[in-house]
Each structure stands twice: as structure tokens, then as C-alpha cells.
Amino acid sequence: VRHGILGVEMEAAELYTLAARYGRRALAVLTVSDHLQTGAALPPNDREKTFAEMVEIALEAAFEKE
């Protein structure tokens, strides 16, 4: 692992920047789909399944009664 980099993420930084600028809350739900060193990738069907599961968990958490 060069430079200690374990992953690459492209959108959440901007999401958090805009949320901070406009006084809003933000949440990023992330998944690992590709291996940077080997080039292996999660098949599209598996990626879609895990994405759907992540969305379901995020929505449950967002609307959970405290």
C-alpha cells in the first residue's frame, strides 16, 4: 500500500463541504466495489444487491425513533 491509501472516494468530501457551508447535516453511505491493487471488481449484480441493502439500512436509521 503506497502512501497509506486504502481506498478512493470521490463525492462525500464535497457533500460534507456543502453541508457545512449551508449549515445542513449530511451522511455518506459507502461500499467497496473494486480492489485498487488487484483490479478485482464486484460483479454488477452483487454491487446492486449490496447497494440496495445499504439504502435500506440508511433509511431505517434515518427514520428510527429515538
PDB file of N, CA and C in Angstrom:
ATOM      1  N   VAL A   1       0.861  -1.172   0.000  1.00  0.00           N
ATOM      2  CA  VAL A   1       0.000   0.000   0.000  1.00  0.00           C
ATOM      3  C   VAL A   1       0.903   1.229   0.000  1.00  0.00           C
ATOM      4  N   ARG A   2       0.906   1.941  -1.094  1.00  0.00           N
ATOM      5  CA  ARG A   2       1.722   3.159  -1.191  1.00  0.00           C
ATOM      6  C   ARG A   2       1.029   4.316  -0.503  1.00  0.00           C
ATOM      7  N   HIS A   3       1.789   5.091   0.214  1.00  0.00           N
ATOM      8  CA  HIS A   3       1.310   6.317   0.853  1.00  0.00           C
ATOM      9  C   HIS A   3       0.182   6.072   1.850  1.00  0.00           C
ATOM     10  N   GLY A   4      -0.047   4.831   2.257  1.00  0.00           N
ATOM     11  CA  GLY A   4      -1.078   4.537   3.244  1.00  0.00           C
ATOM     12  C   GLY A   4      -2.500   4.655   2.724  1.00  0.00           C
ATOM     13  N   ILE A   5      -2.669   4.700   1.414  1.00  0.00           N
ATOM     14  CA  ILE A   5      -4.009   4.852   0.831  1.00  0.00           C
ATOM     15  C   ILE A   5      -4.667   3.489   0.708  1.00  0.00           C
ATOM     16  N   LEU A   6      -5.807   3.338   1.344  1.00  0.00           N
ATOM     17  CA  LEU A   6      -6.536   2.075   1.307  1.00  0.00           C
ATOM     18  C   LEU A   6      -7.778   2.143   0.441  1.00  0.00           C
ATOM     19  N   GLY A   7      -8.234   3.335   0.113  1.00  0.00           N
ATOM     20  CA  GLY A   7      -9.449   3.470  -0.681  1.00  0.00           C
ATOM     21  C   GLY A   7      -9.528   4.830  -1.338  1.00  0.00           C
ATOM     22  N   VAL A   8     -10.411   4.923  -2.302  1.00  0.00           N
ATOM     23  CA  VAL A   8     -10.636   6.166  -3.028  1.00  0.00           C
ATOM     24  C   VAL A   8     -12.125   6.474  -2.968  1.00  0.00           C
ATOM     25  N   GLU A   9     -12.459   7.689  -2.616  1.00  0.00           N
ATOM     26  CA  GLU A   9     -13.851   8.124  -2.550  1.00  0.00           C
ATOM     27  C   GLU A   9     -13.920   9.483  -3.217  1.00  0.00           C
ATOM     28  N   MET A  10     -14.931   9.728  -4.016  1.00  0.00           N
ATOM     29  CA  MET A  10     -14.920  10.941  -4.824  1.00  0.00           C
ATOM     30  C   MET A  10     -16.007  11.958  -4.501  1.00  0.00           C
ATOM     31  N   GLU A  11     -17.094  11.574  -3.889  1.00  0.00           N
ATOM     32  CA  GLU A  11     -18.210  12.505  -3.735  1.00  0.00           C
ATOM     33  C   GLU A  11     -18.463  12.995  -2.316  1.00  0.00           C
ATOM     34  N   ALA A  12     -18.180  12.190  -1.310  1.00  0.00           N
ATOM     35  CA  ALA A  12     -18.554  12.545   0.062  1.00  0.00           C
ATOM     36  C   ALA A  12     -17.876  13.818   0.554  1.00  0.00           C
ATOM     37  N   ALA A  13     -16.651  14.062   0.153  1.00  0.00           N
ATOM     38  CA  ALA A  13     -15.958  15.275   0.606  1.00  0.00           C
ATOM     39  C   ALA A  13     -16.734  16.519   0.198  1.00  0.00           C
ATOM     40  N   GLU A  14     -17.213  16.551  -1.018  1.00  0.00           N
ATOM     41  CA  GLU A  14     -17.995  17.709  -1.484  1.00  0.00           C
ATOM     42  C   GLU A  14     -19.339  17.778  -0.771  1.00  0.00           C
ATOM     43  N   LEU A  15     -19.954  16.633  -0.548  1.00  0.00           N
ATOM     44  CA  LEU A  15     -21.219  16.592   0.189  1.00  0.00           C
ATOM     45  C   LEU A  15     -21.056  17.218   1.569  1.00  0.00           C
ATOM     46  N   TYR A  16     -20.000  16.826   2.282  1.00  0.00           N
ATOM     47  CA  TYR A  16     -19.758  17.372   3.617  1.00  0.00           C
ATOM     48  C   TYR A  16     -19.371  18.845   3.569  1.00  0.00           C
ATOM     49  N   THR A  17     -18.634  19.248   2.550  1.00  0.00           N
ATOM     50  CA  THR A  17     -18.263  20.659   2.395  1.00  0.00           C
ATOM     51  C   THR A  17     -19.503  21.519   2.218  1.00  0.00           C
ATOM     52  N   LEU A  18     -20.405  21.096   1.338  1.00  0.00           N
ATOM     53  CA  LEU A  18     -21.637  21.857   1.105  1.00  0.00           C
ATOM     54  C   LEU A  18     -22.539  21.859   2.333  1.00  0.00           C
ATOM     55  N   ALA A  19     -22.622  20.730   3.010  1.00  0.00           N
ATOM     56  CA  ALA A  19     -23.444  20.671   4.222  1.00  0.00           C
ATOM     57  C   ALA A  19     -22.914  21.647   5.271  1.00  0.00           C
ATOM     58  N   ALA A  20     -21.607  21.679   5.450  1.00  0.00           N
ATOM     59  CA  ALA A  20     -21.015  22.598   6.426  1.00  0.00           C
ATOM     60  C   ALA A  20     -21.242  24.047   6.015  1.00  0.00           C
ATOM     61  N   ARG A  21     -21.085  24.324   4.754  1.00  0.00           N
ATOM     62  CA  ARG A  21     -21.250  25.698   4.264  1.00  0.00           C
ATOM     63  C   ARG A  21     -22.668  26.212   4.478  1.00  0.00           C
ATOM     64  N   TYR A  22     -23.653  25.353   4.256  1.00  0.00           N
ATOM     65  CA  TYR A  22     -25.051  25.771   4.342  1.00  0.00           C
ATOM     66  C   TYR A  22     -25.730  25.354   5.651  1.00  0.00           C
ATOM     67  N   GLY A  23     -24.943  24.904   6.609  1.00  0.00           N
ATOM     68  CA  GLY A  23     -25.487  24.561   7.918  1.00  0.00           C
ATOM     69  C   GLY A  23     -26.436  23.377   7.900  1.00  0.00           C
ATOM     70  N   ARG A  24     -26.156  22.414   7.072  1.00  0.00           N
ATOM     71  CA  ARG A  24     -27.010  21.225   6.946  1.00  0.00           C
ATOM     72  C   ARG A  24     -26.282  19.992   7.467  1.00  0.00           C
ATOM     73  N   ARG A  25     -27.045  18.942   7.691  1.00  0.00           N
ATOM     74  CA  ARG A  25     -26.469  17.661   8.080  1.00  0.00           C
ATOM     75  C   ARG A  25     -26.278  16.820   6.830  1.00  0.00           C
ATOM     76  N   ALA A  26     -25.302  15.938   6.870  1.00  0.00           N
ATOM     77  CA  ALA A  26     -25.039  15.080   5.715  1.00  0.00           C
ATOM     78  C   ALA A  26     -24.572  13.712   6.195  1.00  0.00           C
ATOM     79  N   LEU A  27     -24.799  12.726   5.358  1.00  0.00           N
ATOM     80  CA  LEU A  27     -24.351  11.373   5.643  1.00  0.00           C
ATOM     81  C   LEU A  27     -23.966  10.710   4.335  1.00  0.00           C
ATOM     82  N   ALA A  28     -22.837  10.056   4.321  1.00  0.00           N
ATOM     83  CA  ALA A  28     -22.418   9.278   3.155  1.00  0.00           C
ATOM     84  C   ALA A  28     -22.439   7.804   3.546  1.00  0.00           C
ATOM     85  N   VAL A  29     -23.039   6.991   2.709  1.00  0.00           N
ATOM     86  CA  VAL A  29     -23.051   5.546   2.899  1.00  0.00           C
ATOM     87  C   VAL A  29     -22.175   4.981   1.792  1.00  0.00           C
ATOM     88  N   LEU A  30     -21.104   4.300   2.173  1.00  0.00           N
ATOM     89  CA  LEU A  30     -20.103   3.873   1.201  1.00  0.00           C
ATOM     90  C   LEU A  30     -19.991   2.361   1.143  1.00  0.00           C
ATOM     91  N   THR A  31     -19.557   1.872   0.001  1.00  0.00           N
ATOM     92  CA  THR A  31     -19.292   0.453  -0.165  1.00  0.00           C
ATOM     93  C   THR A  31     -17.995   0.292  -0.945  1.00  0.00           C
ATOM     94  N   VAL A  32     -17.369  -0.843  -0.788  1.00  0.00           N
ATOM     95  CA  VAL A  32     -16.161  -1.149  -1.551  1.00  0.00           C
ATOM     96  C   VAL A  32     -16.585  -1.988  -2.747  1.00  0.00           C
ATOM     97  N   SER A  33     -16.211  -1.536  -3.951  1.00  0.00           N
ATOM     98  CA  SER A  33     -16.622  -2.271  -5.145  1.00  0.00           C
ATOM     99  C   SER A  33     -15.441  -2.773  -5.969  1.00  0.00           C
ATOM    100  N   ASP A  34     -14.288  -2.144  -5.847  1.00  0.00           N
ATOM    101  CA  ASP A  34     -13.122  -2.522  -6.646  1.00  0.00           C
ATOM    102  C   ASP A  34     -11.890  -2.593  -5.748  1.00  0.00           C
ATOM    103  N   HIS A  35     -10.979  -3.476  -6.088  1.00  0.00           N
ATOM    104  CA  HIS A  35      -9.727  -3.603  -5.341  1.00  0.00           C
ATOM    105  C   HIS A  35      -8.655  -2.834  -6.095  1.00  0.00           C
ATOM    106  N   LEU A  36      -8.105  -1.803  -5.463  1.00  0.00           N
ATOM    107  CA  LEU A  36      -7.141  -0.935  -6.136  1.00  0.00           C
ATOM    108  C   LEU A  36      -5.872  -1.657  -6.555  1.00  0.00           C
ATOM    109  N   GLN A  37      -5.413  -2.617  -5.780  1.00  0.00           N
ATOM    110  CA  GLN A  37      -4.151  -3.282  -6.087  1.00  0.00           C
ATOM    111  C   GLN A  37      -4.295  -4.399  -7.105  1.00  0.00           C
ATOM    112  N   THR A  38      -5.371  -5.171  -7.028  1.00  0.00           N
ATOM    113  CA  THR A  38      -5.506  -6.326  -7.925  1.00  0.00           C
ATOM    114  C   THR A  38      -6.368  -6.034  -9.144  1.00  0.00           C
ATOM    115  N   GLY A  39      -7.184  -4.995  -9.062  1.00  0.00           N
ATOM    116  CA  GLY A  39      -8.097  -4.687 -10.162  1.00  0.00           C
ATOM    117  C   GLY A  39      -9.385  -5.491 -10.112  1.00  0.00           C
ATOM    118  N   ALA A  40      -9.505  -6.392  -9.129  1.00  0.00           N
ATOM    119  CA  ALA A  40     -10.730  -7.185  -9.000  1.00  0.00           C
ATOM    120  C   ALA A  40     -11.904  -6.253  -8.715  1.00  0.00           C
ATOM    121  N   ALA A  41     -13.054  -6.601  -9.270  1.00  0.00           N
ATOM    122  CA  ALA A  41     -14.243  -5.760  -9.095  1.00  0.00           C
ATOM    123  C   ALA A  41     -15.430  -6.616  -8.694  1.00  0.00           C
ATOM    124  N   LEU A  42     -16.304  -6.018  -7.916  1.00  0.00           N
ATOM    125  CA  LEU A  42     -17.540  -6.678  -7.526  1.00  0.00           C
ATOM    126  C   LEU A  42     -18.443  -6.753  -8.755  1.00  0.00           C
ATOM    127  N   PRO A  43     -18.994  -7.921  -9.069  1.00  0.00           N
ATOM    128  CA  PRO A  43     -19.881  -8.035 -10.230  1.00  0.00           C
ATOM    129  C   PRO A  43     -21.088  -7.099 -10.093  1.00  0.00           C
ATOM    130  N   PRO A  44     -21.611  -6.588 -11.214  1.00  0.00           N
ATOM    131  CA  PRO A  44     -22.733  -5.637 -11.169  1.00  0.00           C
ATOM    132  C   PRO A  44     -23.928  -6.111 -10.344  1.00  0.00           C
ATOM    133  N   ASN A  45     -24.306  -7.376 -10.452  1.00  0.00           N
ATOM    134  CA  ASN A  45     -25.453  -7.871  -9.680  1.00  0.00           C
ATOM    135  C   ASN A  45     -25.186  -7.801  -8.181  1.00  0.00           C
ATOM    136  N   ASP A  46     -23.970  -8.169  -7.769  1.00  0.00           N
ATOM    137  CA  ASP A  46     -23.609  -8.096  -6.354  1.00  0.00           C
ATOM    138  C   ASP A  46     -23.548  -6.647  -5.891  1.00  0.00           C
ATOM    139  N   ARG A  47     -23.031  -5.779  -6.738  1.00  0.00           N
ATOM    140  CA  ARG A  47     -22.949  -4.354  -6.400  1.00  0.00           C
ATOM    141  C   ARG A  47     -24.346  -3.780  -6.187  1.00  0.00           C
ATOM    142  N   GLU A  48     -25.274  -4.137  -7.066  1.00  0.00           N
ATOM    143  CA  GLU A  48     -26.654  -3.648  -6.950  1.00  0.00           C
ATOM    144  C   GLU A  48     -27.311  -4.174  -5.673  1.00  0.00           C
ATOM    145  N   LYS A  49     -27.079  -5.450  -5.368  1.00  0.00           N
ATOM    146  CA  LYS A  49     -27.665  -6.052  -4.167  1.00  0.00           C
ATOM    147  C   LYS A  49     -27.136  -5.369  -2.909  1.00  0.00           C
ATOM    148  N   THR A  50     -25.819  -5.176  -2.820  1.00  0.00           N
ATOM    149  CA  THR A  50     -25.268  -4.545  -1.622  1.00  0.00           C
ATOM    150  C   THR A  50     -25.689  -3.089  -1.526  1.00  0.00           C
ATOM    151  N   PHE A  51     -25.833  -2.407  -2.666  1.00  0.00           N
ATOM    152  CA  PHE A  51     -26.287  -1.015  -2.650  1.00  0.00           C
ATOM    153  C   PHE A  51     -27.713  -0.939  -2.117  1.00  0.00           C
ATOM    154  N   ALA A  52     -28.578  -1.823  -2.581  1.00  0.00           N
ATOM    155  CA  ALA A  52     -29.968  -1.835  -2.110  1.00  0.00           C
ATOM    156  C   ALA A  52     -30.023  -2.095  -0.606  1.00  0.00           C
ATOM    157  N   GLU A  53     -29.182  -3.003  -0.119  1.00  0.00           N
ATOM    158  CA  GLU A  53     -29.138  -3.287   1.319  1.00  0.00           C
ATOM    159  C   GLU A  53     -28.657  -2.064   2.100  1.00  0.00           C
ATOM    160  N   MET A  54     -27.663  -1.360   1.576  1.00  0.00           N
ATOM    161  CA  MET A  54     -27.158  -0.156   2.245  1.00  0.00           C
ATOM    162  C   MET A  54     -28.224   0.924   2.313  1.00  0.00           C
ATOM    163  N   VAL A  55     -28.961   1.112   1.235  1.00  0.00           N
ATOM    164  CA  VAL A  55     -30.017   2.126   1.216  1.00  0.00           C
ATOM    165  C   VAL A  55     -31.083   1.781   2.246  1.00  0.00           C
ATOM    166  N   GLU A  56     -31.455   0.523   2.310  1.00  0.00           N
ATOM    167  CA  GLU A  56     -32.465   0.094   3.284  1.00  0.00           C
ATOM    168  C   GLU A  56     -32.004   0.367   4.714  1.00  0.00           C
ATOM    169  N   ILE A  57     -30.765   0.034   5.020  1.00  0.00           N
ATOM    170  CA  ILE A  57     -30.222   0.276   6.363  1.00  0.00           C
ATOM    171  C   ILE A  57     -30.169   1.770   6.660  1.00  0.00           C
ATOM    172  N   ALA A  58     -29.739   2.569   5.693  1.00  0.00           N
ATOM    173  CA  ALA A  58     -29.649   4.023   5.887  1.00  0.00           C
ATOM    174  C   ALA A  58     -31.023   4.629   6.136  1.00  0.00           C
ATOM    175  N   LEU A  59     -32.027   4.183   5.377  1.00  0.00           N
ATOM    176  CA  LEU A  59     -33.378   4.714   5.568  1.00  0.00           C
ATOM    177  C   LEU A  59     -33.952   4.302   6.922  1.00  0.00           C
ATOM    178  N   GLU A  60     -33.707   3.069   7.321  1.00  0.00           N
ATOM    179  CA  GLU A  60     -34.166   2.623   8.642  1.00  0.00           C
ATOM    180  C   GLU A  60     -33.523   3.467   9.737  1.00  0.00           C
ATOM    181  N   ALA A  61     -32.239   3.737   9.607  1.00  0.00           N
ATOM    182  CA  ALA A  61     -31.537   4.544  10.611  1.00  0.00           C
ATOM    183  C   ALA A  61     -32.043   5.979  10.613  1.00  0.00           C
ATOM    184  N   ALA A  62     -32.321   6.518   9.439  1.00  0.00           N
ATOM    185  CA  ALA A  62     -32.761   7.912   9.329  1.00  0.00           C
ATOM    186  C   ALA A  62     -34.127   8.127   9.961  1.00  0.00           C
ATOM    187  N   PHE A  63     -34.987   7.129   9.878  1.00  0.00           N
ATOM    188  CA  PHE A  63     -36.349   7.287  10.376  1.00  0.00           C
ATOM    189  C   PHE A  63     -36.609   6.530  11.675  1.00  0.00           C
ATOM    190  N   GLU A  64     -35.535   6.062  12.309  1.00  0.00           N
ATOM    191  CA  GLU A  64     -35.659   5.350  13.573  1.00  0.00           C
ATOM    192  C   GLU A  64     -36.051   6.328  14.675  1.00  0.00           C
ATOM    193  N   LYS A  65     -36.989   5.908  15.492  1.00  0.00           N
ATOM    194  CA  LYS A  65     -37.410   6.752  16.612  1.00  0.00           C
ATOM    195  C   LYS A  65     -36.362   6.671  17.706  1.00  0.00           C
ATOM    196  N   GLU A  66     -36.028   7.818  18.265  1.00  0.00           N
ATOM    197  CA  GLU A  66     -35.004   7.860  19.321  1.00  0.00           C
ATOM    198  C   GLU A  66     -35.601   7.588  20.669  1.00  0.00           C
TER     199      GLU A  66
END
